[in-house]
């Protein structure tokens, strides 16, 4: 699928705005070079009043009510991949963690672990991508930190993002609200991110380039919540794929989850390369997909809201919640046969997000 990040991914033109071509240890020392990096790159790019104050903590407006709080670290390799990069991934990942709780993401912090010698133009490219993704989602990056590791003691760049969102008092989501008969939906094809990253990492010569689905989902989720107030549960489908989320839903619960294999949307290229690499698309990572469980009478409304959004055009109802067997996720074929959808024991693709 396409996403709006393409403009942020073009190679930079000309020299870096920094007077240094690479990251130096002094950029993490807390001295003059640290201040220059913060002011000339981070503050200049993210550009908002709390960040410009350069205080130890940002002072933020709070509309009242409950706060959702999430943090995540990102180590994807390579840092740039078809359809995205570590910057877009870091911003979208934390936004999605907040949004699936029913919260409206508002603020992010960003902490960078950089290896001495990391290319300054690449860092600027990552930061611009983070800004573009935050703008796309309507959130502000208001605080941050930078540390530099000696050459050989890191792997280029790692990013931690922490986010705050505001949760309306009437929103209550979670496995405790799930009931037999509820419908299970996803907003599009599964496995795109995992295969896109692996194709770049392994140098696969794809006839048609597959791009990652990495994207902030708060706009799509807000549309679904408005169309279908009967949403019971949401979870972004990341590492471990659909299999991991399905098993988390039914763990120690008095119901099961059934997936119809013919209903699960999978890109033709993902199917082809998953088979070649020995990877199950249902276990492959995603970074722009959400699993939603909704009351059966509101499933079509939720599906319609998804399909009306650019990030949900290939959405589908892929299964339902069943009474038996309890605590088990199943895949059912068109012929009625069933197999257990096992929780992944280990990550199929390391360093994927």
Protein backbone atom coordinates (compact mmCIF):
# COMPACT_ATOMS: atom_id res chain seq x y z
CA UNK A 1 0.00 0.00 0.00
CA UNK A 2 1.12 3.57 -0.47
CA UNK A 3 1.50 6.14 2.27
CA UNK A 4 2.15 9.85 2.53
CA UNK A 5 5.73 9.49 3.72
CA UNK A 6 7.32 9.34 0.27
CA UNK A 7 8.19 13.04 0.18
CA UNK A 8 10.10 12.73 3.45
CA UNK A 9 12.18 9.82 2.20
CA UNK A 10 13.95 11.49 -0.72
CA UNK A 11 17.73 11.67 -0.33
CA UNK A 12 18.85 15.05 1.01
CA UNK A 13 20.17 17.55 -1.52
CA UNK A 14 23.49 19.17 -0.83
CA UNK A 15 25.49 19.25 2.34
CA UNK A 16 24.14 18.72 5.83
CA UNK A 17 23.11 21.89 7.67
CA UNK A 18 25.60 20.88 10.39
CA UNK A 19 29.23 21.94 10.08
CA UNK A 20 30.13 18.33 10.88
CA UNK A 21 29.62 15.48 8.42
CA UNK A 22 29.22 12.85 11.14
CA UNK A 23 28.09 12.61 14.75
CA UNK A 24 30.95 13.17 17.23
CA UNK A 25 31.24 12.07 20.83
CA UNK A 26 31.09 15.75 21.79
CA UNK A 27 27.54 15.93 20.38
CA UNK A 28 26.51 13.91 23.44
CA UNK A 29 28.70 15.68 25.97
CA UNK A 30 26.21 18.29 27.15
CA UNK A 31 28.47 21.10 25.94
CA UNK A 32 28.63 23.44 22.97
CA UNK A 33 28.19 20.80 20.24
CA UNK A 34 25.25 19.27 22.07
CA UNK A 35 23.53 22.64 22.23
CA UNK A 36 24.24 23.27 18.55
CA UNK A 37 22.75 19.89 17.58
CA UNK A 38 19.67 20.50 19.71
CA UNK A 39 19.06 24.05 18.50
CA UNK A 40 20.08 23.69 14.85
CA UNK A 41 18.47 20.32 14.16
CA UNK A 42 15.93 19.17 16.74
CA UNK A 43 14.40 22.47 17.84
CA UNK A 44 14.59 23.96 14.35
CA UNK A 45 12.85 20.94 12.83
CA UNK A 46 10.27 20.04 15.49
CA UNK A 47 9.64 23.75 16.21
CA UNK A 48 7.09 24.28 18.99
CA UNK A 49 6.99 26.56 22.01
CA UNK A 50 7.55 23.98 24.80
CA UNK A 51 10.62 22.63 22.99
CA UNK A 52 12.05 26.07 22.24
CA UNK A 53 12.16 26.81 25.97
CA UNK A 54 14.99 24.23 26.35
CA UNK A 55 14.00 23.45 29.93
CA UNK A 56 14.43 20.10 31.68
CA UNK A 57 10.74 19.32 31.27
CA UNK A 58 8.07 20.60 28.89
CA UNK A 59 5.07 22.39 30.41
CA UNK A 60 1.99 21.23 28.54
CA UNK A 61 -1.70 22.05 28.40
CA UNK A 62 -4.02 19.37 29.82
CA UNK A 63 -7.70 19.46 28.82
CA UNK A 64 -8.58 17.37 31.88
CA UNK A 65 -9.70 13.78 32.25
CA UNK A 66 -7.60 10.65 31.99
CA UNK A 67 -4.13 10.45 30.47
CA UNK A 68 -2.77 7.59 28.36
CA UNK A 69 1.00 7.18 28.48
CA UNK A 70 3.17 4.92 26.30
CA UNK A 71 6.83 4.42 25.46
CA UNK A 72 8.64 2.37 22.83
CA UNK A 73 12.18 1.88 21.50
CA UNK A 74 13.09 1.35 17.86
CA UNK A 75 16.08 -0.57 16.47
CA UNK A 76 15.02 -1.42 12.92
CA UNK A 77 17.73 -2.53 10.51
CA UNK A 78 18.18 -1.07 7.95
CA UNK A 79 17.16 2.35 9.24
CA UNK A 80 15.77 3.25 5.80
CA UNK A 81 13.49 0.81 4.03
CA UNK A 82 10.85 0.91 1.26
CA UNK A 83 7.99 3.13 2.42
CA UNK A 84 9.54 4.37 5.64
CA UNK A 85 12.47 4.79 8.00
CA UNK A 86 13.28 4.56 11.69
CA UNK A 87 12.03 8.12 12.27
CA UNK A 88 8.57 7.54 10.84
CA UNK A 89 8.44 4.21 12.62
CA UNK A 90 9.33 5.72 16.00
CA UNK A 91 6.65 8.40 15.80
CA UNK A 92 3.90 6.23 14.33
CA UNK A 93 4.57 3.34 16.71
CA UNK A 94 3.98 5.35 19.88
CA UNK A 95 1.03 7.24 18.40
CA UNK A 96 -0.61 3.92 17.55
CA UNK A 97 -0.01 2.54 21.04
CA UNK A 98 -1.98 5.50 22.42
CA UNK A 99 -4.68 5.45 19.77
CA UNK A 100 -5.62 1.78 20.26
CA UNK A 101 -6.45 2.62 23.87
CA UNK A 102 -9.04 5.07 22.57
CA UNK A 103 -6.86 8.06 23.47
CA UNK A 104 -6.19 11.11 21.31
CA UNK A 105 -2.39 11.41 21.02
CA UNK A 106 -1.10 14.90 21.77
CA UNK A 107 2.58 15.01 22.78
CA UNK A 108 5.73 12.98 22.16
CA UNK A 109 9.27 12.98 23.46
CA UNK A 110 12.15 11.57 21.43
CA UNK A 111 15.44 10.21 22.75
CA UNK A 112 18.28 9.42 20.34
CA UNK A 113 21.12 6.95 20.92
CA UNK A 114 23.66 7.74 18.21
CA UNK A 115 26.92 6.01 17.38
CA UNK A 116 30.00 8.15 16.93
CA UNK A 117 30.53 8.57 13.18
CA UNK A 118 26.85 8.35 12.24
CA UNK A 119 26.23 10.34 9.06
CA UNK A 120 24.79 13.77 9.85
CA UNK A 121 22.76 13.96 6.64
CA UNK A 122 21.09 10.66 7.52
CA UNK A 123 20.28 11.98 10.99
CA UNK A 124 18.71 15.08 9.47
CA UNK A 125 16.71 12.89 7.11
CA UNK A 126 15.41 10.85 10.06
CA UNK A 127 14.47 13.98 12.01
CA UNK A 128 12.63 15.51 9.04
CA UNK A 129 10.71 12.25 8.64
CA UNK A 130 9.73 12.33 12.33
CA UNK A 131 8.46 15.90 11.95
CA UNK A 132 6.43 15.02 8.85
CA UNK A 133 4.87 12.01 10.57
CA UNK A 134 4.04 13.99 13.72
CA UNK A 135 2.40 16.69 11.58
CA UNK A 136 0.44 14.03 9.71
CA UNK A 137 -0.92 12.75 13.03
CA UNK A 138 -1.47 16.19 14.58
CA UNK A 139 0.92 15.70 17.51
CA UNK A 140 3.89 17.72 18.76
CA UNK A 141 7.37 16.46 19.70
CA UNK A 142 7.97 18.59 22.78
CA UNK A 143 10.95 17.06 24.61
CA UNK A 144 13.95 14.87 23.94
CA UNK A 145 17.43 13.68 24.75
CA UNK A 146 20.59 12.75 22.84
CA UNK A 147 23.35 10.38 23.84
CA UNK A 148 26.40 9.43 21.72
CA UNK A 149 28.09 6.02 22.05
CA UNK A 150 31.69 5.38 21.10
CA UNK A 151 32.31 4.04 17.62
CA UNK A 152 31.74 0.30 17.59
CA UNK A 153 29.51 0.36 20.71
CA UNK A 154 26.24 1.11 18.95
CA UNK A 155 24.65 0.39 15.60
CA UNK A 156 24.14 3.77 14.00
CA UNK A 157 20.90 5.00 15.53
CA UNK A 158 18.31 3.89 18.08
CA UNK A 159 15.27 6.01 18.96
CA UNK A 160 12.99 5.92 21.99
CA UNK A 161 9.67 7.77 21.83
CA UNK A 162 7.29 8.37 24.70
CA UNK A 163 3.78 9.69 24.15
CA UNK A 164 0.91 11.25 26.05
CA UNK A 165 -2.70 11.20 24.91
CA UNK A 166 -6.00 12.20 26.43
CA UNK A 167 -8.67 9.58 27.03
CA UNK A 168 -12.35 10.59 27.13
CA UNK A 169 -14.13 9.45 30.29
CA UNK A 170 -16.70 7.43 28.36
CA UNK A 171 -14.13 5.29 26.50
CA UNK A 172 -13.57 1.85 28.06
CA UNK A 173 -11.75 -0.70 25.91
CA UNK A 174 -10.16 -4.02 26.76
CA UNK A 175 -10.43 -7.80 26.63
CA UNK A 176 -12.86 -7.71 29.58
CA UNK A 177 -15.47 -6.17 27.26
CA UNK A 178 -15.17 -8.82 24.52
CA UNK A 179 -18.14 -11.17 24.07
CA UNK A 180 -18.84 -14.30 21.95
CA UNK A 181 -20.31 -13.25 18.62
CA UNK A 182 -18.20 -10.08 18.36
CA UNK A 183 -16.54 -9.51 15.00
CA UNK A 184 -12.80 -9.18 14.32
CA UNK A 185 -11.57 -6.63 11.77
CA UNK A 186 -8.24 -5.46 10.37
CA UNK A 187 -7.68 -2.34 8.29
CA UNK A 188 -5.68 -3.90 5.46
CA UNK A 189 -3.09 -6.33 4.17
CA UNK A 190 -0.89 -8.09 6.72
CA UNK A 191 2.85 -8.65 6.67
CA UNK A 192 3.81 -5.70 4.44
CA UNK A 193 6.28 -4.15 6.89
CA UNK A 194 8.12 -7.35 7.76
CA UNK A 195 8.63 -8.39 4.14
CA UNK A 196 9.52 -4.85 2.97
CA UNK A 197 12.25 -4.55 5.61
CA UNK A 198 13.53 -8.06 4.97
CA UNK A 199 13.63 -7.48 1.21
CA UNK A 200 15.90 -4.46 1.70
CA UNK A 201 18.02 -6.19 4.34
CA UNK A 202 18.59 -9.28 2.23
CA UNK A 203 18.92 -7.39 -1.07
CA UNK A 204 16.02 -9.25 -2.70
CA UNK A 205 15.41 -8.18 -6.29
CA UNK A 206 11.65 -7.62 -6.28
CA UNK A 207 10.05 -7.06 -9.67
CA UNK A 208 7.64 -4.65 -7.97
CA UNK A 209 8.85 -2.95 -4.80
CA UNK A 210 6.77 -3.72 -1.75
CA UNK A 211 6.58 -0.84 0.74
CA UNK A 212 6.09 -0.87 4.48
CA UNK A 213 2.67 0.03 5.85
CA UNK A 214 4.17 2.22 8.61
CA UNK A 215 1.72 5.02 9.41
CA UNK A 216 0.02 6.78 12.34
CA UNK A 217 -3.45 5.28 12.77
CA UNK A 218 -5.07 7.79 15.11
CA UNK A 219 -7.16 9.38 12.33
CA UNK A 220 -8.53 6.03 11.16
CA UNK A 221 -9.19 4.87 14.71
CA UNK A 222 -11.01 8.08 15.57
CA UNK A 223 -13.27 7.60 12.53
CA UNK A 224 -14.05 4.01 13.56
CA UNK A 225 -14.82 5.03 17.15
CA UNK A 226 -17.27 7.65 15.93
CA UNK A 227 -19.00 5.25 13.51
CA UNK A 228 -19.07 2.30 15.90
CA UNK A 229 -19.30 3.17 19.61
CA UNK A 230 -19.56 -0.57 20.24
CA UNK A 231 -15.84 -1.14 19.73
CA UNK A 232 -14.71 -3.52 22.49
CA UNK A 233 -10.95 -3.89 21.95
CA UNK A 234 -8.15 -2.56 19.73
CA UNK A 235 -4.51 -3.50 19.34
CA UNK A 236 -1.93 -2.47 16.75
CA UNK A 237 -0.59 -5.53 14.96
CA UNK A 238 3.20 -5.24 15.20
CA UNK A 239 5.84 -7.85 16.15
CA UNK A 240 4.43 -11.37 16.12
CA UNK A 241 1.75 -10.25 13.70
CA UNK A 242 -1.88 -11.31 13.80
CA UNK A 243 -0.98 -14.52 15.62
CA UNK A 244 0.47 -12.68 18.61
CA UNK A 245 -2.49 -10.31 18.99
CA UNK A 246 -5.09 -13.07 18.54
CA UNK A 247 -3.47 -15.12 21.29
CA UNK A 248 -3.20 -12.12 23.61
CA UNK A 249 -6.96 -11.59 23.22
CA UNK A 250 -7.91 -15.13 24.27
CA UNK A 251 -5.23 -15.74 26.90
CA UNK A 252 -6.98 -17.16 30.01
CA UNK A 253 -10.37 -16.01 28.68
CA UNK A 254 -13.68 -17.93 28.62
CA UNK A 255 -13.89 -17.64 24.80
CA UNK A 256 -11.84 -18.26 21.67
CA UNK A 257 -11.05 -16.32 18.52
CA UNK A 258 -11.65 -17.69 15.02
CA UNK A 259 -9.94 -16.33 11.88
CA UNK A 260 -11.20 -17.24 8.41
CA UNK A 261 -8.08 -17.67 6.31
CA UNK A 262 -9.77 -16.66 3.03
CA UNK A 263 -10.89 -13.39 4.63
CA UNK A 264 -7.42 -12.27 5.76
CA UNK A 265 -6.07 -9.66 3.30
CA UNK A 266 -2.49 -10.39 2.22
CA UNK A 267 -0.65 -8.66 -0.63
CA UNK A 268 0.25 -11.04 -3.47
CA UNK A 269 3.93 -10.12 -3.17
CA UNK A 270 3.87 -10.80 0.57
CA UNK A 271 2.43 -14.24 -0.08
CA UNK A 272 5.09 -15.00 -2.69
CA UNK A 273 8.08 -13.84 -0.67
CA UNK A 274 6.75 -15.22 2.61
CA UNK A 275 6.61 -18.63 0.98
CA UNK A 276 10.12 -18.18 -0.44
CA UNK A 277 11.52 -17.12 2.96
CA UNK A 278 9.52 -19.66 4.96
CA UNK A 279 7.58 -16.94 6.83
CA UNK A 280 3.90 -17.08 7.77
CA UNK A 281 2.25 -13.69 6.90
CA UNK A 282 0.04 -14.07 9.98
CA UNK A 283 3.20 -13.94 12.12
CA UNK A 284 4.90 -11.18 10.17
CA UNK A 285 5.30 -7.65 11.57
CA UNK A 286 3.12 -4.70 10.61
CA UNK A 287 3.41 -1.03 11.53
CA UNK A 288 0.20 0.41 10.11
CA UNK A 289 -2.38 -2.23 10.98
CA UNK A 290 -4.88 -2.45 13.81
CA UNK A 291 -7.05 -5.35 14.94
CA UNK A 292 -10.45 -4.21 16.16
CA UNK A 293 -13.11 -6.27 17.93
CA UNK A 294 -16.58 -4.77 17.74
CA UNK A 295 -20.13 -5.70 18.66
CA UNK A 296 -21.66 -7.70 15.76
CA UNK A 297 -24.41 -5.19 15.02
CA UNK A 298 -21.81 -2.45 14.47
CA UNK A 299 -19.28 -4.45 12.44
CA UNK A 300 -20.43 -3.12 9.08
CA UNK A 301 -20.37 0.48 10.35
CA UNK A 302 -16.81 -0.02 11.60
CA UNK A 303 -15.80 -1.63 8.30
CA UNK A 304 -17.33 1.24 6.33
CA UNK A 305 -15.44 3.81 8.39
CA UNK A 306 -12.19 1.94 7.77
CA UNK A 307 -12.75 1.65 4.03
CA UNK A 308 -13.54 5.36 3.79
CA UNK A 309 -10.11 6.21 5.23
CA UNK A 310 -6.92 6.11 3.09
CA UNK A 311 -5.30 3.67 5.55
CA UNK A 312 -8.24 1.27 5.51
CA UNK A 313 -9.22 0.77 1.89
CA UNK A 314 -8.42 -2.94 2.06
CA UNK A 315 -10.06 -3.47 5.46
CA UNK A 316 -11.90 -6.70 6.11
CA UNK A 317 -13.91 -8.60 8.70
CA UNK A 318 -11.60 -11.57 9.22
CA UNK A 319 -13.20 -13.54 12.04
CA UNK A 320 -15.24 -13.63 15.21
CA UNK A 321 -15.22 -14.47 18.90
CA UNK A 322 -16.45 -18.00 19.65
CA UNK A 323 -17.56 -19.74 22.84
CA UNK A 324 -15.46 -22.87 22.26
CA UNK A 325 -12.67 -23.76 22.49
CA UNK A 326 -11.87 -21.38 25.32
CA UNK A 327 -8.52 -19.61 25.36
CA UNK A 328 -7.55 -20.70 21.84
CA UNK A 329 -7.06 -18.82 18.57
CA UNK A 330 -8.01 -20.82 15.48
CA UNK A 331 -7.68 -20.49 11.71
CA UNK A 332 -10.59 -21.95 9.74
CA UNK A 333 -10.27 -22.78 6.04
CA UNK A 334 -12.91 -22.48 3.33
CA UNK A 335 -13.41 -26.25 3.65
CA UNK A 336 -14.21 -26.02 7.37
CA UNK A 337 -10.98 -27.55 8.65
CA UNK A 338 -9.27 -25.82 11.56
CA UNK A 339 -5.79 -25.38 12.92
CA UNK A 340 -4.52 -23.65 16.02
CA UNK A 341 -2.99 -20.22 15.38
CA UNK A 342 -0.01 -20.61 17.65
CA UNK A 343 1.56 -17.75 19.60
CA UNK A 344 5.02 -17.19 18.05
CA UNK A 345 7.81 -18.55 20.23
CA UNK A 346 10.50 -16.28 18.81
CA UNK A 347 10.67 -13.41 16.40
CA UNK A 348 10.71 -14.53 12.77
CA UNK A 349 12.51 -11.35 11.69
CA UNK A 350 14.78 -9.66 14.28
CA UNK A 351 15.42 -5.90 14.30
CA UNK A 352 12.15 -5.27 12.45
CA UNK A 353 10.87 -2.29 14.45
